[in-house]
């Protein structure tokens, strides 16, 4: 399937999920993450869920990271440049939704992309080879391209892998793992 088809299909599948389903599936994903060999790192980048898009609720992962005393980073998007800046999430970080309903830090301590060890990535669909389909703006591909080569890239998905995404290109950054409620995919 092509990215555009997958976007439409998986947006609809997420739209059909009930709030209780989202919470239960998100908790299962967080529990599966505990089995990964990623917990010795220092800087973890995580997306703050867009509830209107019925994304994976990352609050459970945030609780794990906080409990392990990790440095947690969240992003602020620049839609004119198509880039993101990354800020340390602290108790005093003020989070507000932007015009796209993305929760973002208002300001804070900015951290260089090259310090990030692990990135949790939102997506709509992914395939058996670790390719992913996001919302199509390229924010994460540009961001991941700026990360150090050893940064671990982890997709979070309510749904299992499709066989193949037919229109991947050189700019697409592959995942190292993708976590679903049912299993851990390693690429």
Protein backbone atom coordinates (compact mmCIF):
# COMPACT_ATOMS: atom_id res chain seq x y z
CA UNK A 1 0.00 0.00 0.00
CA UNK A 2 0.99 3.61 -0.49
CA UNK A 3 1.43 6.16 2.30
CA UNK A 4 -1.65 8.20 1.34
CA UNK A 5 -3.87 5.11 1.46
CA UNK A 6 -2.38 4.01 4.76
CA UNK A 7 -2.88 7.47 6.26
CA UNK A 8 -6.58 7.45 5.43
CA UNK A 9 -7.12 3.85 6.55
CA UNK A 10 -5.32 4.20 9.88
CA UNK A 11 -6.78 7.60 10.71
CA UNK A 12 -10.20 5.96 10.34
CA UNK A 13 -9.19 2.95 12.43
CA UNK A 14 -7.97 5.24 15.22
CA UNK A 15 -11.11 7.35 14.91
CA UNK A 16 -13.16 4.22 15.64
CA UNK A 17 -11.34 3.51 18.92
CA UNK A 18 -13.18 4.23 22.16
CA UNK A 19 -11.51 6.23 24.94
CA UNK A 20 -11.31 3.11 27.15
CA UNK A 21 -9.67 1.21 24.27
CA UNK A 22 -7.05 3.94 23.88
CA UNK A 23 -6.23 3.88 27.60
CA UNK A 24 -6.00 0.07 27.81
CA UNK A 25 -3.96 -0.27 24.61
CA UNK A 26 -1.64 2.58 25.65
CA UNK A 27 -0.99 0.89 29.00
CA UNK A 28 -0.18 -2.39 27.22
CA UNK A 29 2.29 -0.55 24.97
CA UNK A 30 3.98 1.08 27.98
CA UNK A 31 4.28 -2.29 29.73
CA UNK A 32 5.89 -3.85 26.62
CA UNK A 33 8.45 -1.02 26.56
CA UNK A 34 9.77 -2.16 29.92
CA UNK A 35 11.16 -5.29 28.22
CA UNK A 36 13.40 -3.32 25.84
CA UNK A 37 17.14 -2.83 26.54
CA UNK A 38 16.84 0.97 26.46
CA UNK A 39 16.81 1.99 30.10
CA UNK A 40 20.51 2.81 30.58
CA UNK A 41 20.29 5.96 28.44
CA UNK A 42 19.96 9.51 29.78
CA UNK A 43 17.97 11.65 27.33
CA UNK A 44 14.55 10.41 26.14
CA UNK A 45 12.44 12.34 23.66
CA UNK A 46 8.71 11.72 23.78
CA UNK A 47 5.71 13.17 22.00
CA UNK A 48 2.81 14.55 23.99
CA UNK A 49 -0.35 12.91 22.66
CA UNK A 50 -2.85 14.75 20.50
CA UNK A 51 -6.05 13.48 22.09
CA UNK A 52 -8.16 14.77 19.19
CA UNK A 53 -6.23 12.41 16.87
CA UNK A 54 -6.59 9.51 19.30
CA UNK A 55 -2.84 8.98 19.51
CA UNK A 56 -1.20 6.55 21.93
CA UNK A 57 -1.47 8.08 25.41
CA UNK A 58 2.16 8.67 26.38
CA UNK A 59 1.33 9.60 30.00
CA UNK A 60 2.12 6.00 31.03
CA UNK A 61 5.56 6.19 29.41
CA UNK A 62 6.15 9.60 31.00
CA UNK A 63 5.44 8.01 34.40
CA UNK A 64 7.98 5.25 33.70
CA UNK A 65 10.62 7.76 32.62
CA UNK A 66 9.99 9.96 35.67
CA UNK A 67 10.16 6.93 37.96
CA UNK A 68 13.54 6.03 36.47
CA UNK A 69 14.81 9.63 36.88
CA UNK A 70 15.47 10.10 33.16
CA UNK A 71 15.86 13.40 31.35
CA UNK A 72 12.63 13.81 29.37
CA UNK A 73 12.49 16.02 26.29
CA UNK A 74 9.42 17.33 24.47
CA UNK A 75 9.24 19.33 21.28
CA UNK A 76 7.91 22.60 20.00
CA UNK A 77 7.14 22.69 16.26
CA UNK A 78 8.02 25.46 13.85
CA UNK A 79 5.51 25.02 11.02
CA UNK A 80 7.13 27.65 8.79
CA UNK A 81 10.48 25.83 8.81
CA UNK A 82 9.11 22.29 9.29
CA UNK A 83 11.42 21.73 12.25
CA UNK A 84 11.20 21.03 15.96
CA UNK A 85 13.09 22.38 18.97
CA UNK A 86 13.48 20.15 22.03
CA UNK A 87 13.03 21.19 25.64
CA UNK A 88 13.69 19.51 28.97
CA UNK A 89 10.41 18.62 30.66
CA UNK A 90 10.48 19.76 34.29
CA UNK A 91 7.89 20.33 37.00
CA UNK A 92 7.78 24.00 36.00
CA UNK A 93 7.41 23.44 32.23
CA UNK A 94 4.24 25.10 30.99
CA UNK A 95 2.51 23.05 28.28
CA UNK A 96 -0.03 24.62 25.90
CA UNK A 97 -1.74 23.29 22.78
CA UNK A 98 -0.76 25.00 19.56
CA UNK A 99 -3.21 25.78 16.72
CA UNK A 100 -2.95 22.11 15.57
CA UNK A 101 -3.86 20.85 19.08
CA UNK A 102 -0.30 19.61 19.67
CA UNK A 103 0.67 19.99 23.35
CA UNK A 104 3.99 21.87 23.44
CA UNK A 105 6.26 23.57 25.97
CA UNK A 106 5.88 27.34 26.03
CA UNK A 107 9.61 27.71 26.74
CA UNK A 108 12.27 26.11 28.89
CA UNK A 109 15.74 24.64 28.73
CA UNK A 110 16.52 23.78 25.12
CA UNK A 111 18.54 20.60 24.53
CA UNK A 112 20.58 19.84 21.40
CA UNK A 113 19.27 17.04 19.19
CA UNK A 114 22.66 15.33 19.34
CA UNK A 115 22.20 14.62 23.07
CA UNK A 116 19.05 12.53 22.53
CA UNK A 117 19.53 8.80 23.16
CA UNK A 118 16.00 7.44 22.62
CA UNK A 119 13.06 8.83 20.62
CA UNK A 120 9.46 7.63 20.97
CA UNK A 121 7.75 8.32 17.64
CA UNK A 122 4.06 8.82 16.82
CA UNK A 123 2.88 7.14 13.64
CA UNK A 124 -0.20 6.04 11.76
CA UNK A 125 1.17 2.81 10.26
CA UNK A 126 4.43 0.91 9.82
CA UNK A 127 5.70 -2.08 7.88
CA UNK A 128 7.68 -5.26 8.50
CA UNK A 129 10.93 -3.47 7.53
CA UNK A 130 10.63 -0.60 10.04
CA UNK A 131 9.33 2.05 7.64
CA UNK A 132 6.62 4.29 9.06
CA UNK A 133 3.83 6.54 7.93
CA UNK A 134 3.22 9.72 9.89
CA UNK A 135 1.03 12.70 9.10
CA UNK A 136 3.08 13.55 6.00
CA UNK A 137 4.79 16.80 6.98
CA UNK A 138 8.27 15.29 7.46
CA UNK A 139 8.90 16.77 10.92
CA UNK A 140 10.14 13.50 12.39
CA UNK A 141 12.26 12.56 9.36
CA UNK A 142 14.10 15.90 9.58
CA UNK A 143 14.42 15.58 13.37
CA UNK A 144 15.67 11.98 13.27
CA UNK A 145 18.14 12.86 10.51
CA UNK A 146 19.74 15.36 12.93
CA UNK A 147 20.04 12.81 15.75
CA UNK A 148 23.26 10.90 16.31
CA UNK A 149 23.40 7.59 14.38
CA UNK A 150 23.08 5.46 17.53
CA UNK A 151 19.88 7.17 18.72
CA UNK A 152 17.25 4.47 19.27
CA UNK A 153 14.03 5.11 17.34
CA UNK A 154 10.87 3.52 18.76
CA UNK A 155 7.48 3.76 17.06
CA UNK A 156 4.28 3.40 19.07
CA UNK A 157 1.24 1.92 17.34
CA UNK A 158 -2.17 0.58 18.29
CA UNK A 159 -2.10 -1.60 15.17
CA UNK A 160 0.17 -4.33 13.80
CA UNK A 161 2.60 -3.94 10.88
CA UNK A 162 1.51 -3.95 7.27
CA UNK A 163 3.57 -6.09 4.91
CA UNK A 164 5.13 -3.26 2.94
CA UNK A 165 4.89 0.49 2.38
CA UNK A 166 5.37 0.85 -1.37
CA UNK A 167 6.48 4.47 -1.67
CA UNK A 168 9.29 4.83 0.86
CA UNK A 169 12.28 6.94 -0.16
CA UNK A 170 15.80 7.88 0.95
CA UNK A 171 14.52 10.62 3.29
CA UNK A 172 12.45 8.16 5.33
CA UNK A 173 14.18 7.19 8.57
CA UNK A 174 13.53 3.62 9.67
CA UNK A 175 12.57 2.56 13.18
CA UNK A 176 14.71 0.36 15.42
CA UNK A 177 11.61 -0.92 17.24
CA UNK A 178 7.87 -0.56 17.06
CA UNK A 179 5.69 -1.40 20.04
CA UNK A 180 2.07 -2.47 19.70
CA UNK A 181 -0.25 -3.80 22.40
CA UNK A 182 0.40 -7.32 21.09
CA UNK A 183 4.12 -7.39 20.36
CA UNK A 184 7.53 -5.78 20.06
CA UNK A 185 8.88 -5.49 16.51
CA UNK A 186 12.66 -5.30 16.17
CA UNK A 187 14.20 -4.03 12.91
